[in-house]
């Protein structure tokens, strides 16, 4: 399959060289896998030849991140784990903050209602004259 998908058209110019691909195809054809007890090949030619290449880096971390960068980080999974007591403490402080905000909003609304009543009374006096 690898060989079929890597064929080149004669007369066409390509950006990359075909030498590396051609040598890999030859290596795959000449590869003789060691047979296991049942007589089946343990590793096929493609896996044996292509697995030699080094990975560009850790997956899902971005292009500039290397395995060494990840090993040198001090943050671990343990630093993100919270105990139930810690979680309860955080939740209680959040509840208090929310209650304080609600009380403040209620006080502002009450003040606005009083101001509206005063303005309404002033308008009634002006209209009554």
N, C-alpha and C. Protein backbone atom coordinates (compact mmCIF):
# COMPACT_ATOMS: atom_id res chain seq x y z
N UNK A 1 0.83 -1.19 0.00
CA UNK A 1 0.00 0.00 0.00
C UNK A 1 0.87 1.25 0.00
N UNK A 2 1.91 1.23 0.81
CA UNK A 2 2.82 2.38 0.89
C UNK A 2 3.44 2.66 -0.47
N UNK A 3 3.84 1.61 -1.16
CA UNK A 3 4.50 1.77 -2.46
C UNK A 3 3.52 2.32 -3.50
N UNK A 4 2.30 1.84 -3.48
CA UNK A 4 1.30 2.26 -4.46
C UNK A 4 0.96 3.73 -4.30
N UNK A 5 0.88 4.19 -3.08
CA UNK A 5 0.51 5.59 -2.84
C UNK A 5 1.67 6.55 -3.03
N UNK A 6 2.89 6.06 -3.26
CA UNK A 6 4.06 6.92 -3.41
C UNK A 6 4.63 6.93 -4.83
N UNK A 7 3.88 6.47 -5.80
CA UNK A 7 4.36 6.45 -7.18
C UNK A 7 4.47 7.88 -7.71
N UNK A 8 5.46 8.09 -8.56
CA UNK A 8 5.69 9.40 -9.17
C UNK A 8 5.31 9.35 -10.65
N UNK A 9 4.82 10.47 -11.15
CA UNK A 9 4.49 10.60 -12.56
C UNK A 9 5.71 11.11 -13.30
N UNK A 10 6.05 10.48 -14.41
CA UNK A 10 7.22 10.91 -15.18
C UNK A 10 6.95 12.26 -15.82
N UNK A 11 7.98 13.11 -15.83
CA UNK A 11 7.87 14.42 -16.45
C UNK A 11 7.37 15.51 -15.51
N UNK A 12 6.87 15.13 -14.38
CA UNK A 12 6.38 16.11 -13.41
C UNK A 12 7.49 16.47 -12.43
N UNK A 13 7.52 17.76 -12.02
CA UNK A 13 8.53 18.20 -11.07
C UNK A 13 7.93 18.20 -9.67
N UNK A 14 8.69 17.69 -8.71
CA UNK A 14 8.23 17.61 -7.32
C UNK A 14 9.14 18.45 -6.44
N UNK A 15 8.60 18.95 -5.34
CA UNK A 15 9.38 19.76 -4.41
C UNK A 15 10.38 18.93 -3.62
N UNK A 16 10.01 17.73 -3.27
CA UNK A 16 10.89 16.89 -2.45
C UNK A 16 11.51 15.77 -3.28
N UNK A 17 12.60 15.24 -2.76
CA UNK A 17 13.30 14.16 -3.43
C UNK A 17 12.59 12.83 -3.18
N UNK A 18 12.74 11.92 -4.12
CA UNK A 18 12.11 10.61 -4.01
C UNK A 18 13.08 9.57 -3.46
N UNK A 19 14.32 9.95 -3.25
CA UNK A 19 15.35 8.99 -2.84
C UNK A 19 15.03 8.32 -1.51
N UNK A 20 14.63 9.12 -0.52
CA UNK A 20 14.33 8.56 0.80
C UNK A 20 13.17 7.57 0.71
N UNK A 21 12.13 7.95 -0.01
CA UNK A 21 10.97 7.07 -0.16
C UNK A 21 11.36 5.79 -0.88
N UNK A 22 12.17 5.91 -1.92
CA UNK A 22 12.59 4.73 -2.69
C UNK A 22 13.41 3.78 -1.82
N UNK A 23 14.31 4.32 -1.01
CA UNK A 23 15.12 3.44 -0.14
C UNK A 23 14.25 2.75 0.90
N UNK A 24 13.25 3.45 1.41
CA UNK A 24 12.35 2.83 2.39
C UNK A 24 11.53 1.71 1.75
N UNK A 25 11.08 1.93 0.53
CA UNK A 25 10.32 0.89 -0.17
C UNK A 25 11.19 -0.35 -0.38
N UNK A 26 12.44 -0.14 -0.77
CA UNK A 26 13.36 -1.27 -0.98
C UNK A 26 13.61 -2.00 0.34
N UNK A 27 13.80 -1.25 1.43
CA UNK A 27 14.01 -1.87 2.75
C UNK A 27 12.80 -2.69 3.16
N UNK A 28 11.58 -2.17 2.89
CA UNK A 28 10.36 -2.91 3.25
C UNK A 28 10.25 -4.20 2.46
N UNK A 29 10.61 -4.16 1.18
CA UNK A 29 10.54 -5.38 0.36
C UNK A 29 11.56 -6.42 0.83
N UNK A 30 12.72 -5.96 1.26
CA UNK A 30 13.78 -6.88 1.69
C UNK A 30 13.67 -7.30 3.15
N UNK A 31 12.75 -6.71 3.89
CA UNK A 31 12.63 -7.00 5.31
C UNK A 31 12.06 -8.40 5.52
N UNK A 32 12.71 -9.16 6.37
CA UNK A 32 12.21 -10.48 6.75
C UNK A 32 11.95 -10.45 8.24
N UNK A 33 10.70 -10.49 8.59
CA UNK A 33 10.34 -10.42 10.01
C UNK A 33 10.59 -11.75 10.68
N UNK A 34 10.93 -11.68 11.96
CA UNK A 34 11.09 -12.91 12.74
C UNK A 34 9.70 -13.47 13.01
N UNK A 35 9.54 -14.73 12.78
CA UNK A 35 8.25 -15.35 12.99
C UNK A 35 8.10 -15.77 14.44
N UNK A 36 6.88 -15.61 14.95
CA UNK A 36 6.63 -16.06 16.31
C UNK A 36 6.23 -17.53 16.30
N UNK A 37 5.77 -18.07 17.42
CA UNK A 37 5.50 -19.50 17.55
C UNK A 37 4.44 -20.00 16.57
N UNK A 38 3.44 -19.18 16.25
CA UNK A 38 2.39 -19.62 15.35
C UNK A 38 2.79 -19.49 13.89
N UNK A 39 3.95 -18.92 13.61
CA UNK A 39 4.39 -18.75 12.23
C UNK A 39 3.99 -17.41 11.64
N UNK A 40 3.37 -16.56 12.44
CA UNK A 40 2.96 -15.25 11.95
C UNK A 40 4.08 -14.24 12.19
N UNK A 41 4.17 -13.27 11.33
CA UNK A 41 5.20 -12.24 11.48
C UNK A 41 4.84 -11.35 12.67
N UNK A 42 5.81 -11.14 13.55
CA UNK A 42 5.56 -10.32 14.74
C UNK A 42 5.35 -8.86 14.35
N UNK A 43 6.19 -8.36 13.44
CA UNK A 43 6.08 -6.98 12.98
C UNK A 43 6.18 -6.99 11.47
N UNK A 44 5.29 -6.25 10.81
CA UNK A 44 5.36 -6.20 9.36
C UNK A 44 6.46 -5.25 8.92
N UNK A 45 6.78 -5.27 7.64
CA UNK A 45 7.87 -4.47 7.11
C UNK A 45 7.65 -2.98 7.29
N UNK A 46 6.43 -2.53 7.08
CA UNK A 46 6.14 -1.10 7.23
C UNK A 46 6.42 -0.62 8.64
N UNK A 47 5.91 -1.33 9.64
CA UNK A 47 6.11 -0.93 11.03
C UNK A 47 7.58 -0.96 11.42
N UNK A 48 8.30 -1.95 10.93
CA UNK A 48 9.72 -2.08 11.28
C UNK A 48 10.54 -0.94 10.69
N UNK A 49 10.26 -0.54 9.46
CA UNK A 49 11.05 0.49 8.79
C UNK A 49 10.60 1.89 9.21
N UNK A 50 9.30 2.14 9.23
CA UNK A 50 8.79 3.49 9.47
C UNK A 50 8.83 3.88 10.95
N UNK A 51 8.86 2.94 11.86
CA UNK A 51 8.86 3.29 13.27
C UNK A 51 10.22 3.80 13.73
N UNK A 52 11.23 3.73 12.87
CA UNK A 52 12.55 4.20 13.24
C UNK A 52 12.62 5.72 13.33
N UNK A 53 11.75 6.41 12.60
CA UNK A 53 11.78 7.86 12.59
C UNK A 53 11.35 8.41 13.94
N UNK A 54 12.00 9.47 14.34
CA UNK A 54 11.72 10.09 15.62
C UNK A 54 10.51 11.00 15.50
N UNK A 55 9.68 11.00 16.50
CA UNK A 55 8.51 11.85 16.53
C UNK A 55 8.92 13.31 16.66
N UNK A 56 8.09 14.19 16.16
CA UNK A 56 8.39 15.63 16.22
C UNK A 56 8.25 16.16 17.64
N UNK A 57 7.54 15.50 18.48
CA UNK A 57 7.36 15.95 19.85
C UNK A 57 6.08 15.40 20.43
N UNK A 58 5.76 15.80 21.63
CA UNK A 58 4.54 15.30 22.27
C UNK A 58 3.29 15.76 21.51
N UNK A 59 2.32 14.90 21.44
CA UNK A 59 1.09 15.21 20.74
C UNK A 59 0.24 16.13 21.60
N UNK A 60 -0.47 17.05 20.97
CA UNK A 60 -1.41 17.97 21.61
C UNK A 60 -0.74 19.00 22.51
N UNK A 61 0.52 19.30 22.29
CA UNK A 61 1.21 20.29 23.12
C UNK A 61 1.73 21.46 22.30
N UNK A 62 1.62 21.43 21.01
CA UNK A 62 2.13 22.51 20.17
C UNK A 62 3.45 22.13 19.53
N UNK A 63 3.88 22.93 18.56
CA UNK A 63 5.08 22.58 17.80
C UNK A 63 6.36 22.81 18.57
N UNK A 64 6.42 23.84 19.41
CA UNK A 64 7.67 24.17 20.08
C UNK A 64 7.94 23.38 21.35
N UNK A 65 7.02 22.56 21.78
CA UNK A 65 7.17 21.83 23.04
C UNK A 65 7.89 20.51 22.79
N UNK A 66 8.88 20.22 23.61
CA UNK A 66 9.60 18.95 23.51
C UNK A 66 9.30 18.11 24.74
N UNK A 67 9.72 16.85 24.69
CA UNK A 67 9.51 15.98 25.85
C UNK A 67 10.29 16.48 27.05
N UNK A 68 11.45 17.08 26.78
CA UNK A 68 12.28 17.61 27.86
C UNK A 68 11.57 18.77 28.56
N UNK A 69 10.88 19.62 27.79
CA UNK A 69 10.14 20.73 28.38
C UNK A 69 9.06 20.21 29.33
N UNK A 70 8.38 19.16 28.92
CA UNK A 70 7.32 18.60 29.76
C UNK A 70 7.90 17.97 31.02
N UNK A 71 9.07 17.36 30.91
CA UNK A 71 9.69 16.72 32.07
C UNK A 71 10.17 17.76 33.08
N UNK A 72 10.54 18.95 32.60
CA UNK A 72 11.07 19.97 33.49
C UNK A 72 9.99 20.81 34.17
N UNK A 73 8.75 20.66 33.79
CA UNK A 73 7.70 21.45 34.43
C UNK A 73 7.48 20.95 35.85
N UNK A 74 7.26 21.89 36.75
CA UNK A 74 7.08 21.53 38.15
C UNK A 74 5.64 21.17 38.47
N UNK A 75 4.72 21.63 37.64
CA UNK A 75 3.32 21.34 37.90
C UNK A 75 3.03 19.88 37.58
N UNK A 76 2.29 19.27 38.45
CA UNK A 76 1.91 17.88 38.23
C UNK A 76 0.41 17.77 38.40
N UNK A 77 -0.10 16.61 38.15
CA UNK A 77 -1.53 16.38 38.32
C UNK A 77 -1.92 16.56 39.78
N UNK A 78 -1.02 16.21 40.69
CA UNK A 78 -1.32 16.33 42.11
C UNK A 78 -1.60 17.77 42.51
N UNK A 79 -1.00 18.74 41.83
CA UNK A 79 -1.21 20.13 42.20
C UNK A 79 -2.62 20.59 41.88
N UNK A 80 -3.34 19.87 41.03
CA UNK A 80 -4.70 20.25 40.67
C UNK A 80 -5.76 19.46 41.43
N UNK A 81 -5.36 18.50 42.21
CA UNK A 81 -6.30 17.68 42.94
C UNK A 81 -6.70 18.40 44.23
N UNK A 82 -8.02 18.48 44.47
CA UNK A 82 -8.52 19.13 45.68
C UNK A 82 -9.21 18.10 46.56
N UNK A 83 -9.02 18.24 47.84
CA UNK A 83 -9.73 17.37 48.77
C UNK A 83 -11.15 17.87 48.92
N UNK A 84 -12.00 17.06 49.50
CA UNK A 84 -13.40 17.47 49.68
C UNK A 84 -13.50 18.65 50.64
N UNK A 85 -12.62 18.71 51.65
CA UNK A 85 -12.64 19.84 52.58
C UNK A 85 -12.27 21.14 51.87
N UNK A 86 -11.27 21.07 51.01
CA UNK A 86 -10.88 22.26 50.24
C UNK A 86 -12.02 22.70 49.34
N UNK A 87 -12.68 21.74 48.72
CA UNK A 87 -13.79 22.06 47.83
C UNK A 87 -14.93 22.71 48.60
N UNK A 88 -15.24 22.20 49.78
CA UNK A 88 -16.29 22.78 50.61
C UNK A 88 -15.95 24.21 51.01
N UNK A 89 -14.68 24.45 51.34
CA UNK A 89 -14.24 25.79 51.71
C UNK A 89 -14.42 26.76 50.54
N UNK A 90 -14.01 26.33 49.38
CA UNK A 90 -14.14 27.18 48.19
C UNK A 90 -15.61 27.45 47.90
N UNK A 91 -16.44 26.41 47.99
CA UNK A 91 -17.86 26.58 47.72
C UNK A 91 -18.52 27.51 48.73
N UNK A 92 -18.15 27.41 50.00
CA UNK A 92 -18.75 28.29 51.01
C UNK A 92 -18.34 29.74 50.80
N UNK A 93 -17.08 29.98 50.44
CA UNK A 93 -16.66 31.36 50.17
C UNK A 93 -17.38 31.91 48.94
N UNK A 94 -17.57 31.08 47.93
CA UNK A 94 -18.31 31.53 46.75
C UNK A 94 -19.76 31.84 47.09
N UNK A 95 -20.37 31.02 47.93
CA UNK A 95 -21.75 31.28 48.35
C UNK A 95 -21.85 32.61 49.08
N UNK A 96 -20.89 32.87 49.99
CA UNK A 96 -20.90 34.14 50.73
C UNK A 96 -20.76 35.32 49.78
N UNK A 97 -19.85 35.21 48.83
CA UNK A 97 -19.67 36.30 47.86
C UNK A 97 -20.94 36.55 47.07
N UNK A 98 -21.60 35.48 46.64
CA UNK A 98 -22.84 35.62 45.87
C UNK A 98 -23.93 36.25 46.72
N UNK A 99 -24.06 35.82 47.98
CA UNK A 99 -25.06 36.40 48.86
C UNK A 99 -24.80 37.88 49.09
N UNK A 100 -23.53 38.26 49.28
CA UNK A 100 -23.20 39.67 49.47
C UNK A 100 -23.55 40.49 48.23
N UNK A 101 -23.27 39.95 47.06
CA UNK A 101 -23.61 40.66 45.83
C UNK A 101 -25.12 40.81 45.69
N UNK A 102 -25.86 39.75 46.03
CA UNK A 102 -27.32 39.82 45.95
C UNK A 102 -27.88 40.85 46.93
N UNK A 103 -27.34 40.89 48.16
CA UNK A 103 -27.79 41.88 49.14
C UNK A 103 -27.50 43.30 48.65
N UNK A 104 -26.34 43.49 48.05
CA UNK A 104 -25.98 44.80 47.53
C UNK A 104 -26.94 45.21 46.41
N UNK A 105 -27.25 44.29 45.51
CA UNK A 105 -28.19 44.58 44.42
C UNK A 105 -29.58 44.88 44.96
N UNK A 106 -30.02 44.11 45.98
CA UNK A 106 -31.33 44.36 46.59
C UNK A 106 -31.38 45.74 47.22
N UNK A 107 -30.29 46.15 47.89
CA UNK A 107 -30.24 47.48 48.50
C UNK A 107 -30.31 48.56 47.43
N UNK A 108 -29.61 48.37 46.32
CA UNK A 108 -29.66 49.34 45.23
C UNK A 108 -31.06 49.43 44.65
N UNK A 109 -31.72 48.29 44.46
CA UNK A 109 -33.09 48.29 43.94
C UNK A 109 -34.05 49.00 44.89
N UNK A 110 -33.89 48.76 46.18
CA UNK A 110 -34.76 49.42 47.17
C UNK A 110 -34.54 50.93 47.15
N UNK A 111 -33.29 51.35 47.02
CA UNK A 111 -32.99 52.78 46.94
C UNK A 111 -33.62 53.38 45.68
N UNK A 112 -33.57 52.67 44.58
CA UNK A 112 -34.18 53.16 43.33
C UNK A 112 -35.70 53.27 43.47
N UNK A 113 -36.31 52.30 44.16
CA UNK A 113 -37.77 52.35 44.37
C UNK A 113 -38.15 53.57 45.20
N UNK A 114 -37.37 53.84 46.25
CA UNK A 114 -37.65 55.01 47.09
C UNK A 114 -37.50 56.30 46.29
N UNK A 115 -36.46 56.40 45.49
CA UNK A 115 -36.26 57.59 44.66
C UNK A 115 -37.40 57.75 43.66
N UNK A 116 -37.87 56.64 43.12
CA UNK A 116 -38.99 56.68 42.18
C UNK A 116 -40.27 57.17 42.86
N UNK A 117 -40.50 56.71 44.08
CA UNK A 117 -41.68 57.15 44.83
C UNK A 117 -41.61 58.66 45.11
N UNK A 118 -40.42 59.13 45.48
CA UNK A 118 -40.25 60.57 45.76
C UNK A 118 -40.52 61.37 44.49
N UNK A 119 -39.98 60.92 43.36
CA UNK A 119 -40.20 61.60 42.09
C UNK A 119 -41.68 61.56 41.70
N UNK A 120 -42.33 60.45 41.96
CA UNK A 120 -43.75 60.32 41.64
C UNK A 120 -44.58 61.29 42.47
N UNK A 121 -44.24 61.43 43.76
CA UNK A 121 -44.96 62.37 44.62
C UNK A 121 -44.75 63.81 44.15
N UNK A 122 -43.52 64.14 43.74
CA UNK A 122 -43.24 65.48 43.23
C UNK A 122 -44.06 65.76 41.98
N UNK A 123 -44.15 64.78 41.09
CA UNK A 123 -44.93 64.96 39.86
C UNK A 123 -46.41 65.12 40.17
N UNK A 124 -46.91 64.36 41.16
CA UNK A 124 -48.32 64.48 41.55
C UNK A 124 -48.61 65.88 42.08
N UNK A 125 -47.68 66.45 42.88
CA UNK A 125 -47.86 67.80 43.42
C UNK A 125 -47.85 68.84 42.30
N UNK A 126 -46.98 68.66 41.34
CA UNK A 126 -46.90 69.61 40.22
C UNK A 126 -48.17 69.53 39.38
N UNK A 127 -48.66 68.34 39.13
CA UNK A 127 -49.86 68.17 38.33
C UNK A 127 -51.12 68.64 39.07
N UNK A 128 -51.10 68.58 40.38
CA UNK A 128 -52.26 68.98 41.18
C UNK A 128 -52.43 70.50 41.16
N UNK A 129 -51.41 71.27 40.93
CA UNK A 129 -51.50 72.74 40.94
C UNK A 129 -52.19 73.25 39.76
